Amino acid sequence: MDTEFALFQQIAAHCDEEKNVAARFYDKAVKTEKLTENGLPIFKNVTYVEIRIKDNSTEVYNQPATEEKIKRFPKEYALYKLSKEQVKKGTPLEQFSFLDAAEIATCKNRGIFTVESLAELDFEKVQNLSLQNEHVLAQMFMEQAEKNTDLKKNADKEQQYKDEIACLKEKIASLEKRLKTASKRKKETE
C-alpha cells in the first residue's frame, strides 16, 4: 500500500501541461467480428480514452487509447494502471455499498480504488486525503467481512462433521445388517 501511495503522490505531483483538457482512461467491452460455436458474439476488452475540453460539454473525444494519447496524458494513464492493479488485489469501491458516487469519486481522485486499500490507510494519510468517514466505513466493513469469513469457516467445518456423521451412520447400518445376516446364518446352521 505504501508503494502504491508513493506512486500516487508522484502522479499527483506531475504538473498538468494541459490545464484546459481532462482525460480519463477506462476499459470498454468491444464486440468483435468473431462468433462462438452457438453463433453468439465474442467481446474483447479495449482501453479507451475520453478527452474533454474544459467549459465545453459538447466536444468529447472518446476512442481507443493510442500510444500518443498515453504519452500525452501520463498522469491519467498512470492512475488508470494503478486502479487496475489495486482492483486485481481487492474489492472495487463500486461494490462497496456504503459509499455514494461522490465518495467513490473522491477516493479514486486520491488514488484509492479498493475497499482494502481504503481500510489499510494509516491515520496520517487518512487525514491528508480527507477520507476520515470513508476510512472508518471501510474498516468496519473489513472487520465484518473477517467475521463472515470465520462464520463461513465454522459453517464449512460443521458441514464436514455432518457429512462424516452421515457416513459413519451408513457404515454402522451396514455393519448391523451384516451382523444380523451373520447371526441369522449361524442360527440356521445350528
Protein backbone atom coordinates (compact mmCIF):
# COMPACT_ATOMS: atom_id res chain seq x y z
CA MET A 1 0.00 0.00 0.00
CA ASP A 2 2.85 2.41 0.81
CA THR A 3 4.40 1.89 -2.63
CA GLU A 4 1.01 2.50 -4.25
CA PHE A 5 0.57 5.70 -2.24
CA ALA A 6 4.07 6.87 -3.16
CA LEU A 7 3.28 6.22 -6.82
CA PHE A 8 0.06 8.19 -6.47
CA GLN A 9 1.94 11.10 -4.89
CA GLN A 10 4.38 11.11 -7.81
CA ILE A 11 1.47 11.13 -10.24
CA ALA A 12 -0.24 13.98 -8.40
CA ALA A 13 3.00 15.99 -8.29
CA HIS A 14 3.31 15.81 -12.08
CA CYS A 15 2.32 19.25 -13.34
CA ASP A 16 -0.61 19.44 -15.73
CA GLU A 17 0.62 20.65 -19.06
CA GLU A 18 -2.90 20.77 -20.48
CA LYS A 19 -4.93 22.57 -17.83
CA ASN A 20 -8.00 23.03 -20.03
CA VAL A 21 -8.21 19.37 -21.03
CA ALA A 22 -9.40 16.43 -18.92
CA ALA A 23 -8.65 12.84 -19.88
CA ARG A 24 -9.90 9.57 -18.44
CA PHE A 25 -8.75 6.08 -19.43
CA TYR A 26 -11.15 3.20 -18.95
CA ASP A 27 -11.93 -0.30 -20.20
CA LYS A 28 -14.72 -0.97 -22.65
CA ALA A 29 -16.11 -4.25 -23.96
CA VAL A 30 -15.98 -4.15 -27.76
CA LYS A 31 -17.84 -6.61 -29.97
CA THR A 32 -15.52 -8.45 -32.36
CA GLU A 33 -16.35 -9.98 -35.72
CA LYS A 34 -15.93 -13.46 -34.23
CA LEU A 35 -18.78 -15.69 -33.08
CA THR A 36 -18.94 -18.68 -30.73
CA GLU A 37 -19.94 -22.13 -31.93
CA ASN A 38 -23.52 -21.20 -30.99
CA GLY A 39 -23.43 -18.03 -33.07
CA LEU A 40 -23.11 -15.66 -30.11
CA PRO A 41 -20.87 -12.59 -30.41
CA ILE A 42 -17.43 -12.54 -28.81
CA PHE A 43 -16.29 -9.40 -26.98
CA LYS A 44 -12.82 -8.17 -26.14
CA ASN A 45 -11.59 -5.66 -23.59
CA VAL A 46 -10.18 -2.44 -25.10
CA THR A 47 -8.64 0.51 -23.25
CA TYR A 48 -10.39 3.72 -24.23
CA VAL A 49 -9.62 7.37 -23.52
CA GLU A 50 -12.23 10.05 -23.03
CA ILE A 51 -10.94 13.59 -23.53
CA ARG A 52 -13.00 16.63 -22.62
CA ILE A 53 -12.22 20.29 -23.13
CA LYS A 54 -12.88 22.47 -20.11
CA ASP A 55 -16.09 24.53 -20.32
CA ASN A 56 -17.20 22.69 -23.46
CA SER A 57 -19.52 19.79 -22.77
CA THR A 58 -20.30 19.12 -26.43
CA GLU A 59 -16.78 18.27 -27.60
CA VAL A 60 -15.76 14.86 -26.32
CA TYR A 61 -13.09 12.64 -27.85
CA ASN A 62 -13.89 9.03 -26.96
CA GLN A 63 -11.77 6.48 -28.83
CA PRO A 64 -9.47 3.53 -28.18
CA ALA A 65 -6.32 4.70 -26.41
CA THR A 66 -3.26 5.08 -28.58
CA GLU A 67 0.41 5.39 -27.61
CA GLU A 68 0.22 9.07 -28.50
CA LYS A 69 -2.69 9.62 -26.06
CA ILE A 70 -0.91 7.62 -23.34
CA LYS A 71 2.19 9.81 -23.73
CA ARG A 72 0.08 12.96 -23.86
CA PHE A 73 -1.74 12.13 -20.60
CA PRO A 74 0.78 10.16 -18.49
CA LYS A 75 -0.80 11.16 -15.16
CA GLU A 76 -4.26 9.96 -16.15
CA TYR A 77 -2.87 6.75 -17.67
CA ALA A 78 -0.81 6.06 -14.54
CA LEU A 79 -3.97 6.45 -12.42
CA TYR A 80 -5.78 4.04 -14.75
CA LYS A 81 -2.97 1.46 -14.39
CA LEU A 82 -2.89 1.96 -10.60
CA SER A 83 -6.63 1.35 -10.40
CA LYS A 84 -6.30 -1.88 -12.39
CA GLU A 85 -3.51 -3.14 -10.11
CA GLN A 86 -5.46 -2.37 -6.93
CA VAL A 87 -8.66 -3.94 -8.25
CA LYS A 88 -6.78 -7.18 -9.01
CA LYS A 89 -5.92 -7.40 -5.31
CA GLY A 90 -9.16 -6.25 -3.72
CA THR A 91 -12.81 -5.25 -3.82
CA PRO A 92 -13.61 -2.36 -6.20
CA LEU A 93 -15.12 0.66 -4.45
CA GLU A 94 -18.18 0.41 -6.71
CA GLN A 95 -19.07 -2.85 -4.92
CA PHE A 96 -18.88 -1.14 -1.51
CA SER A 97 -22.49 -0.17 -0.90
CA PHE A 98 -21.65 2.19 1.99
CA LEU A 99 -20.10 4.80 -0.30
CA ASP A 100 -22.10 7.02 -2.63
CA ALA A 101 -20.91 8.14 -6.06
CA ALA A 102 -19.33 11.34 -4.73
CA GLU A 103 -17.36 9.47 -2.04
CA ILE A 104 -16.17 6.91 -4.61
CA ALA A 105 -15.04 9.71 -6.94
CA THR A 106 -13.23 11.39 -4.03
CA CYS A 107 -11.38 8.18 -3.17
CA LYS A 108 -10.43 7.48 -6.78
CA ASN A 109 -9.24 11.05 -7.21
CA ARG A 110 -6.87 10.39 -4.29
CA GLY A 111 -5.56 7.11 -5.74
CA ILE A 112 -7.73 4.70 -3.71
CA PHE A 113 -9.63 2.19 -5.84
CA THR A 114 -10.43 -0.72 -3.49
CA VAL A 115 -12.08 -1.16 -0.11
CA GLU A 116 -8.97 -2.91 1.17
CA SER A 117 -6.71 -0.01 0.17
CA LEU A 118 -9.04 2.42 1.87
CA ALA A 119 -9.17 0.36 5.07
CA GLU A 120 -5.36 -0.06 5.20
CA LEU A 121 -4.54 3.66 5.07
CA ASP A 122 -2.70 4.90 8.15
CA PHE A 123 -4.10 7.78 10.20
CA GLU A 124 -1.80 10.43 8.73
CA LYS A 125 -2.68 9.53 5.14
CA VAL A 126 -6.39 9.45 6.00
CA GLN A 127 -6.05 12.97 7.42
CA ASN A 128 -4.02 14.26 4.46
CA LEU A 129 -6.50 12.85 1.95
CA SER A 130 -9.59 13.94 3.95
CA LEU A 131 -11.05 10.43 3.88
CA GLN A 132 -11.92 10.01 7.57
CA ASN A 133 -15.56 8.90 7.13
CA GLU A 134 -14.80 6.64 4.19
CA HIS A 135 -11.87 5.08 6.05
CA VAL A 136 -13.98 4.26 9.12
CA LEU A 137 -16.68 2.66 6.95
CA ALA A 138 -14.10 0.57 5.08
CA GLN A 139 -12.50 -0.63 8.33
CA MET A 140 -15.90 -1.62 9.74
CA PHE A 141 -16.70 -3.44 6.51
CA MET A 142 -13.39 -5.33 6.58
CA GLU A 143 -13.93 -6.32 10.23
CA GLN A 144 -17.39 -7.63 9.37
CA ALA A 145 -16.01 -9.44 6.33
CA GLU A 146 -13.42 -11.12 8.58
CA LYS A 147 -16.20 -12.22 10.93
CA ASN A 148 -18.15 -13.52 7.97
CA THR A 149 -15.08 -15.46 6.87
CA ASP A 150 -14.87 -17.01 10.33
CA LEU A 151 -18.58 -17.86 10.19
CA LYS A 152 -18.08 -19.44 6.77
CA LYS A 153 -15.15 -21.50 8.05
CA ASN A 154 -17.23 -22.67 11.00
CA ALA A 155 -20.19 -23.49 8.74
CA ASP A 156 -17.88 -25.44 6.42
CA LYS A 157 -16.45 -27.37 9.39
CA GLU A 158 -19.95 -28.09 10.68
CA GLN A 159 -20.98 -29.41 7.26
CA GLN A 160 -17.83 -31.55 7.16
CA TYR A 161 -18.75 -33.03 10.56
CA LYS A 162 -22.34 -33.65 9.44
CA ASP A 163 -21.09 -35.42 6.30
CA GLU A 164 -18.71 -37.51 8.40
CA ILE A 165 -21.53 -38.43 10.85
CA ALA A 166 -23.80 -39.40 7.95
CA CYS A 167 -21.04 -41.60 6.52
CA LEU A 168 -20.45 -43.25 9.91
CA LYS A 169 -24.20 -43.86 10.32
CA GLU A 170 -24.23 -45.58 6.93
CA LYS A 171 -21.28 -47.76 7.97
CA ILE A 172 -22.98 -48.64 11.27
CA ALA A 173 -26.20 -49.53 9.44
CA SER A 174 -24.22 -51.68 7.01
CA LEU A 175 -22.36 -53.42 9.86
CA GLU A 176 -25.62 -54.01 11.77
CA LYS A 177 -27.13 -55.54 8.63
CA ARG A 178 -24.11 -57.81 8.18
CA LEU A 179 -24.23 -58.76 11.85
CA LYS A 180 -27.93 -59.69 11.58
CA THR A 181 -27.25 -61.69 8.44
CA ALA A 182 -24.30 -63.49 10.08
CA SER A 183 -26.35 -64.13 13.23
CA LYS A 184 -29.22 -65.49 11.14
CA ARG A 185 -26.89 -67.84 9.24
CA LYS A 186 -25.35 -69.05 12.48
CA LYS A 187 -28.79 -69.92 13.90
CA GLU A 188 -29.72 -71.75 10.69
CA THR A 189 -26.57 -73.88 10.82
CA GLU A 190 -27.10 -74.90 14.46
